[in-house]
Amino acid sequence: MRTENNTERFLGWTRVDEGEVIAPHERLSWPRTVGIGLQHVVAMFGSTFLVPVLTGFPPATTLLFSGIGTVLFLLITRNRLPSYLGSSFAIIAPVTAATASHGQSSALGGIVVVGALLVVIGAIVHFAGTAWIEVVMPPIVTGTIVALIGLNLAPAAKNNYESGPVTATVTLVLLIASVALLRGLLGRLAIFLSVIIGYLFAFARGEVDTSGIDAAGWIGLPHFTAPTFTASVLPTFLPVVLVLVVENIGHVKSVSMMTGVDNDKRMGRALAADGLATVIAGSGGGSATTTYAENIGVMAATKVYSTAAYWVAGVAAIFLGLSPKVGAVIAAIPSG
């Protein structure tokens, strides 16, 4: 991997036309970068869209704030930490409970508080380092939390697969074959291409509901809701802060391992950026955000760690949130 030039502009990338690994400060040609960025959108979309569906939040609002949060994250981490901020599954239980007892606005208040606490923790980490977190939450603790999150999500994956087993199997086999056999740009776009072909296969089988597509407009603002702060529900949101800290630390560590660049100095910025994105999302009716493992998987498969691709993904998510028509097309993708 090529070494970063410290004199490079803040939002600049070194253009490269070849190389097995593309570093965060590098980028491919813009057409290729756009393709990789759209692949990140495909990777995050299912989970980011599912959380508001399960919690009753407007999906378009969540998607809009997800894109805004991603752009904000890139700016705060000085454009050197590739990450997408999608919906956090950790907030489902407290949001459901708060909504049932005091309404959706109280749940949004809890999300804002979670984000604010995460900003505070990020500031402490930025100035004091991560040693105290490693003492309070050693690998055995953080590893257990991450494992539990994965195990809790396993039934959802199983149910999604069972809802469309033929289409899901075809898409999965195509993805595995593409990653294993394709090289160059096609190999790096294997996930995106597999989902597109899977979508067309599902459409041919009559599994795509197009009724919402015809009714949706091309441009429109999503529904916004202001938060309220109810003291009785706020304690139920406190464990979410712990989960978000663990997820962010795990993401930064994973990126460091894959790229060979020590990003510990960016840990505080990453936590604060996710916290600020969560505050903004909760203030307007969106879900709490977190760094997404799905997009780490895309980077691991493509070896493209360029933050330019994440700028594409973030901006694309913002446009999707502002386009009911396009959002309806993607929402029609079978869950399997």
Protein backbone atom coordinates (compact mmCIF):
# COMPACT_ATOMS: atom_id res chain seq x y z
CA MET A 1 0.00 0.00 0.00
CA ARG A 2 1.30 3.42 -0.92
CA THR A 3 2.25 5.83 1.86
CA GLU A 4 0.04 8.87 2.46
CA ASN A 5 1.50 12.23 1.57
CA ASN A 6 1.03 14.49 4.59
CA THR A 7 1.07 17.59 2.42
CA GLU A 8 -1.98 16.42 0.49
CA ARG A 9 -5.07 18.57 0.64
CA PHE A 10 -7.66 17.78 3.30
CA LEU A 11 -10.29 16.62 0.81
CA GLY A 12 -7.81 15.46 -1.82
CA TRP A 13 -7.08 11.93 -3.01
CA THR A 14 -4.18 10.58 -4.99
CA ARG A 15 -5.50 9.23 -8.28
CA VAL A 16 -4.34 5.66 -8.98
CA ASP A 17 -5.20 3.50 -11.96
CA GLU A 18 -4.03 0.17 -10.64
CA GLY A 19 -3.03 -1.63 -7.48
CA GLU A 20 -4.42 -4.55 -5.50
CA VAL A 21 -5.13 -2.29 -2.49
CA ILE A 22 -6.49 1.27 -2.69
CA ALA A 23 -5.68 3.24 0.47
CA PRO A 24 -8.06 5.70 2.21
CA HIS A 25 -6.15 8.67 0.77
CA GLU A 26 -6.27 7.24 -2.77
CA ARG A 27 -9.03 6.83 -5.32
CA LEU A 28 -9.68 5.13 -8.62
CA SER A 29 -11.12 7.06 -11.57
CA TRP A 30 -14.38 8.77 -10.70
CA PRO A 31 -16.57 6.37 -12.72
CA ARG A 32 -15.03 3.44 -10.82
CA THR A 33 -15.25 5.30 -7.54
CA VAL A 34 -18.94 5.99 -8.13
CA GLY A 35 -19.48 2.28 -8.78
CA ILE A 36 -17.75 1.33 -5.53
CA GLY A 37 -19.71 4.00 -3.66
CA LEU A 38 -23.04 2.71 -4.98
CA GLN A 39 -21.99 -0.76 -3.90
CA HIS A 40 -21.62 0.61 -0.36
CA VAL A 41 -25.17 1.99 -0.65
CA VAL A 42 -26.43 -1.46 -1.61
CA ALA A 43 -24.55 -3.05 1.30
CA MET A 44 -25.91 -0.71 3.95
CA PHE A 45 -29.42 -0.25 2.61
CA GLY A 46 -31.13 -3.40 3.87
CA SER A 47 -30.16 -2.93 7.51
CA THR A 48 -30.47 0.85 7.51
CA PHE A 49 -33.96 0.57 6.03
CA LEU A 50 -34.98 -2.33 8.30
CA VAL A 51 -34.42 -0.50 11.60
CA PRO A 52 -37.00 2.26 10.95
CA VAL A 53 -39.41 -0.36 9.65
CA LEU A 54 -39.11 -2.24 12.96
CA THR A 55 -39.30 0.89 15.11
CA GLY A 56 -41.98 2.79 13.20
CA PHE A 57 -39.68 5.65 12.14
CA PRO A 58 -39.99 7.04 8.59
CA PRO A 59 -37.42 5.10 6.48
CA ALA A 60 -36.73 8.04 4.15
CA THR A 61 -35.93 10.27 7.14
CA THR A 62 -33.53 7.71 8.54
CA LEU A 63 -31.87 7.29 5.15
CA LEU A 64 -31.44 11.06 4.76
CA PHE A 65 -29.80 11.44 8.18
CA SER A 66 -27.68 8.36 7.52
CA GLY A 67 -26.17 10.08 4.49
CA ILE A 68 -25.72 13.36 6.34
CA GLY A 69 -24.08 11.50 9.24
CA THR A 70 -21.67 9.73 6.90
CA VAL A 71 -20.53 13.00 5.30
CA LEU A 72 -20.17 14.55 8.76
CA PHE A 73 -18.14 11.55 9.94
CA LEU A 74 -15.73 11.90 7.03
CA LEU A 75 -15.26 15.60 7.73
CA ILE A 76 -14.66 15.16 11.46
CA THR A 77 -12.21 12.27 10.96
CA ARG A 78 -10.36 14.45 8.44
CA ASN A 79 -11.30 12.27 5.49
CA ARG A 80 -8.94 9.43 6.43
CA LEU A 81 -11.22 6.90 8.15
CA PRO A 82 -13.47 5.05 5.69
CA SER A 83 -16.85 4.36 7.22
CA TYR A 84 -20.57 4.43 6.56
CA LEU A 85 -22.97 5.40 9.36
CA GLY A 86 -26.11 3.28 9.13
CA SER A 87 -28.99 2.61 11.52
CA SER A 88 -28.06 1.01 14.83
CA PHE A 89 -29.95 -2.13 15.84
CA ALA A 90 -29.05 -1.48 19.48
CA ILE A 91 -31.81 1.14 19.77
CA ILE A 92 -34.69 -1.11 18.68
CA ALA A 93 -35.67 -2.35 22.16
CA PRO A 94 -35.55 1.00 24.01
CA VAL A 95 -37.21 2.84 21.11
CA THR A 96 -40.04 0.31 20.98
CA ALA A 97 -40.58 0.57 24.74
CA ALA A 98 -40.43 4.38 24.79
CA THR A 99 -42.78 4.72 21.83
CA ALA A 100 -45.32 2.39 23.44
CA SER A 101 -45.31 4.31 26.74
CA HIS A 102 -44.72 7.95 25.81
CA GLY A 103 -44.83 8.23 22.04
CA GLN A 104 -42.26 8.40 19.26
CA SER A 105 -40.96 11.83 20.22
CA SER A 106 -39.80 10.51 23.61
CA ALA A 107 -37.84 7.80 21.82
CA LEU A 108 -36.16 10.46 19.72
CA GLY A 109 -35.24 12.28 22.92
CA GLY A 110 -33.51 9.12 24.13
CA ILE A 111 -31.58 8.92 20.85
CA VAL A 112 -30.42 12.53 21.22
CA VAL A 113 -29.16 11.80 24.75
CA VAL A 114 -27.30 8.71 23.52
CA GLY A 115 -25.60 10.78 20.84
CA ALA A 116 -24.66 13.53 23.28
CA LEU A 117 -23.07 11.04 25.69
CA LEU A 118 -21.14 9.50 22.80
CA VAL A 119 -19.80 12.94 21.87
CA VAL A 120 -18.58 13.40 25.45
CA ILE A 121 -16.87 10.00 25.44
CA GLY A 122 -15.29 10.83 22.09
CA ALA A 123 -13.90 14.08 23.45
CA ILE A 124 -12.42 12.26 26.46
CA VAL A 125 -10.85 9.63 24.22
CA HIS A 126 -9.43 12.29 21.91
CA PHE A 127 -7.55 13.99 24.73
CA ALA A 128 -6.95 11.10 27.17
CA GLY A 129 -6.51 8.17 24.77
CA THR A 130 -8.18 4.76 24.76
CA ALA A 131 -6.27 3.04 27.58
CA TRP A 132 -9.10 3.62 30.07
CA ILE A 133 -11.64 2.09 27.68
CA GLU A 134 -9.44 -0.98 27.23
CA VAL A 135 -9.33 -1.34 31.03
CA VAL A 136 -13.06 -0.87 31.51
CA MET A 137 -13.98 -2.94 28.43
CA PRO A 138 -11.29 -5.56 27.72
CA PRO A 139 -11.51 -7.69 24.55
CA ILE A 140 -13.49 -10.40 26.36
CA VAL A 141 -16.24 -7.83 27.09
CA THR A 142 -16.28 -6.10 23.72
CA GLY A 143 -16.04 -9.40 21.88
CA THR A 144 -19.01 -10.77 23.81
CA ILE A 145 -21.10 -7.69 23.05
CA VAL A 146 -20.34 -7.89 19.33
CA ALA A 147 -21.09 -11.63 19.32
CA LEU A 148 -24.43 -11.07 21.05
CA ILE A 149 -25.38 -8.41 18.50
CA GLY A 150 -24.62 -10.85 15.69
CA LEU A 151 -26.55 -13.68 17.36
CA ASN A 152 -29.55 -11.42 17.92
CA LEU A 153 -29.54 -10.50 14.22
CA ALA A 154 -29.23 -14.11 13.05
CA PRO A 155 -32.99 -14.81 13.25
CA ALA A 156 -33.68 -11.77 11.07
CA ALA A 157 -31.27 -13.08 8.42
CA LYS A 158 -32.91 -16.50 8.61
CA ASN A 159 -36.40 -15.05 8.23
CA ASN A 160 -35.33 -12.88 5.31
CA TYR A 161 -33.80 -15.88 3.58
CA GLU A 162 -36.90 -18.00 4.12
CA SER A 163 -39.15 -15.27 2.68
CA GLY A 164 -37.52 -15.73 -0.75
CA PRO A 165 -35.23 -18.78 -0.70
CA VAL A 166 -34.89 -19.20 -4.47
CA THR A 167 -33.97 -15.59 -5.15
CA ALA A 168 -31.76 -15.46 -2.06
CA THR A 169 -29.89 -18.62 -3.09
CA VAL A 170 -29.37 -17.41 -6.66
CA THR A 171 -28.07 -14.05 -5.43
CA LEU A 172 -25.79 -15.65 -2.83
CA VAL A 173 -24.30 -18.17 -5.26
CA LEU A 174 -23.80 -15.44 -7.85
CA LEU A 175 -22.05 -13.26 -5.27
CA ILE A 176 -19.69 -16.02 -4.13
CA ALA A 177 -18.86 -16.94 -7.71
CA SER A 178 -18.28 -13.30 -8.66
CA VAL A 179 -15.94 -12.65 -5.75
CA ALA A 180 -14.01 -15.84 -6.46
CA LEU A 181 -13.80 -15.65 -10.25
CA LEU A 182 -14.00 -12.03 -11.37
CA ARG A 183 -10.98 -9.76 -11.42
CA GLY A 184 -10.41 -6.05 -11.82
CA LEU A 185 -13.34 -3.66 -11.70
CA LEU A 186 -15.98 -6.39 -12.08
CA GLY A 187 -14.52 -8.25 -9.13
CA ARG A 188 -14.66 -5.10 -7.01
CA LEU A 189 -18.28 -4.51 -8.01
CA ALA A 190 -19.33 -8.11 -7.35
CA ILE A 191 -21.75 -7.24 -4.55
CA PHE A 192 -23.42 -4.46 -6.51
CA LEU A 193 -23.73 -6.56 -9.67
CA SER A 194 -25.07 -9.56 -7.74
CA VAL A 195 -27.80 -7.48 -6.10
CA ILE A 196 -28.81 -5.92 -9.44
CA ILE A 197 -29.04 -9.30 -11.14
CA GLY A 198 -30.85 -10.71 -8.10
CA TYR A 199 -33.33 -7.82 -8.31
CA LEU A 200 -33.99 -8.53 -12.00
CA PHE A 201 -34.37 -12.24 -11.23
CA ALA A 202 -36.90 -11.42 -8.49
CA PHE A 203 -38.74 -9.07 -10.87
CA ALA A 204 -38.99 -11.83 -13.47
CA ARG A 205 -40.45 -14.14 -10.81
CA GLY A 206 -43.08 -11.57 -9.83
CA GLU A 207 -41.57 -10.99 -6.39
CA VAL A 208 -41.14 -7.21 -6.74
CA ASP A 209 -44.09 -5.08 -5.68
CA THR A 210 -44.09 -2.07 -8.01
CA SER A 211 -47.27 -0.42 -6.69
CA GLY A 212 -45.33 1.93 -4.41
CA ILE A 213 -42.99 2.93 -7.25
CA ASP A 214 -45.79 4.30 -9.43
CA ALA A 215 -47.34 6.26 -6.58
CA ALA A 216 -44.11 7.87 -5.33
CA GLY A 217 -42.92 11.29 -6.48
CA TRP A 218 -39.43 11.97 -7.78
CA ILE A 219 -38.63 14.70 -5.26
CA GLY A 220 -40.00 15.27 -1.79
CA LEU A 221 -38.97 15.97 1.78
CA PRO A 222 -39.26 13.11 4.26
CA HIS A 223 -41.34 13.40 7.44
CA PHE A 224 -39.57 15.16 10.33
CA THR A 225 -40.40 14.80 14.04
CA ALA A 226 -39.00 16.81 16.96
CA PRO A 227 -37.79 15.00 20.10
CA THR A 228 -39.13 15.36 23.62
CA PHE A 229 -37.26 14.39 26.76
CA THR A 230 -39.03 12.13 29.24
CA ALA A 231 -37.00 11.34 32.35
CA SER A 232 -38.57 7.95 32.90
CA VAL A 233 -37.49 6.52 29.54
CA LEU A 234 -33.96 7.93 29.29
CA PRO A 235 -32.28 5.27 31.54
CA THR A 236 -33.36 2.52 29.11
CA PHE A 237 -31.20 4.13 26.42
CA LEU A 238 -27.96 4.21 28.45
CA PRO A 239 -26.81 0.65 27.50
CA VAL A 240 -26.99 1.74 23.85
CA VAL A 241 -24.05 4.08 24.47
CA LEU A 242 -21.90 1.10 25.48
CA VAL A 243 -22.85 -0.78 22.32
CA LEU A 244 -22.05 2.20 20.07
CA VAL A 245 -18.67 2.66 21.75
CA VAL A 246 -17.84 -1.01 21.15
CA GLU A 247 -19.02 -0.91 17.53
CA ASN A 248 -16.99 2.21 16.75
CA ILE A 249 -13.85 0.87 18.39
CA GLY A 250 -14.26 -2.42 16.53
CA HIS A 251 -14.66 -0.57 13.25
CA VAL A 252 -11.57 1.57 13.74
CA LYS A 253 -9.52 -1.46 14.78
CA SER A 254 -10.75 -3.41 11.74
CA VAL A 255 -9.86 -0.60 9.35
CA SER A 256 -6.41 -0.35 10.95
CA MET A 257 -5.86 -4.07 10.54
CA MET A 258 -6.98 -4.10 6.89
CA THR A 259 -5.06 -0.99 5.82
CA GLY A 260 -1.97 -1.37 7.99
CA VAL A 261 -2.46 2.19 9.28
CA ASP A 262 -2.73 2.88 13.02
CA ASN A 263 -5.97 4.82 13.46
CA ASP A 264 -6.03 4.93 17.26
CA LYS A 265 -5.39 8.68 17.10
CA ARG A 266 -8.66 9.01 15.20
CA MET A 267 -10.67 6.96 17.70
CA GLY A 268 -11.96 9.98 19.62
CA ARG A 269 -12.96 11.77 16.44
CA ALA A 270 -14.81 8.67 15.25
CA LEU A 271 -16.79 8.35 18.49
CA ALA A 272 -17.63 12.06 18.59
CA ALA A 273 -18.62 12.07 14.91
CA ASP A 274 -20.99 9.13 15.37
CA GLY A 275 -22.40 10.82 18.47
CA LEU A 276 -23.01 14.09 16.65
CA ALA A 277 -24.61 12.25 13.72
CA THR A 278 -26.90 10.48 16.19
CA VAL A 279 -27.85 13.78 17.86
CA ILE A 280 -28.74 15.30 14.47
CA ALA A 281 -30.72 12.22 13.43
CA GLY A 282 -32.66 12.07 16.68
CA SER A 283 -33.42 15.79 16.46
CA GLY A 284 -35.26 15.30 13.16
CA GLY A 285 -36.90 11.89 13.42
CA GLY A 286 -34.12 9.51 12.31
CA SER A 287 -32.57 6.45 13.93
CA ALA A 288 -29.32 6.41 15.90
CA THR A 289 -26.30 5.80 13.67
CA THR A 290 -23.33 3.48 13.97
CA THR A 291 -20.37 2.39 11.85
CA TYR A 292 -21.46 -0.48 9.62
CA ALA A 293 -19.88 -3.92 9.47
CA GLU A 294 -21.63 -4.50 6.14
CA ASN A 295 -19.44 -1.85 4.56
CA ILE A 296 -16.33 -3.28 6.19
CA GLY A 297 -17.24 -6.46 4.35
CA VAL A 298 -17.35 -4.54 1.07
CA MET A 299 -13.89 -3.12 1.75
CA ALA A 300 -12.53 -6.54 2.66
CA ALA A 301 -13.89 -7.99 -0.58
CA THR A 302 -12.80 -5.17 -2.89
CA LYS A 303 -9.58 -4.01 -1.16
CA VAL A 304 -10.75 -0.46 -1.86
CA TYR A 305 -10.55 1.62 1.32
CA SER A 306 -10.85 5.00 -0.39
CA THR A 307 -12.89 7.56 1.53
CA ALA A 308 -13.93 8.98 -1.85
CA ALA A 309 -16.26 5.98 -2.27
CA TYR A 310 -17.89 6.83 1.05
CA TRP A 311 -18.48 10.40 -0.05
CA VAL A 312 -20.34 8.95 -3.02
CA ALA A 313 -22.33 6.65 -0.72
CA GLY A 314 -23.20 9.44 1.71
CA VAL A 315 -24.33 11.85 -0.99
CA ALA A 316 -26.28 9.07 -2.72
CA ALA A 317 -28.10 8.26 0.54
CA ILE A 318 -29.03 11.94 0.94
CA PHE A 319 -30.52 12.00 -2.57
CA LEU A 320 -32.37 8.74 -1.90
CA GLY A 321 -33.85 10.27 1.24
CA LEU A 322 -35.07 13.21 -0.84
CA SER A 323 -36.42 11.07 -3.70
CA PRO A 324 -39.47 8.97 -2.79
CA LYS A 325 -39.45 7.46 -6.29
CA VAL A 326 -35.90 6.11 -6.13
CA GLY A 327 -36.39 5.06 -2.52
CA ALA A 328 -39.49 3.09 -3.52
CA VAL A 329 -37.52 1.25 -6.22
CA ILE A 330 -34.91 0.14 -3.69
CA ALA A 331 -37.53 -0.57 -1.02
CA ALA A 332 -39.17 -2.98 -3.46
CA ILE A 333 -36.11 -5.24 -3.30
CA PRO A 334 -37.28 -8.56 -1.80
CA SER A 335 -36.04 -8.95 1.79
CA GLY A 336 -34.64 -12.36 1.02
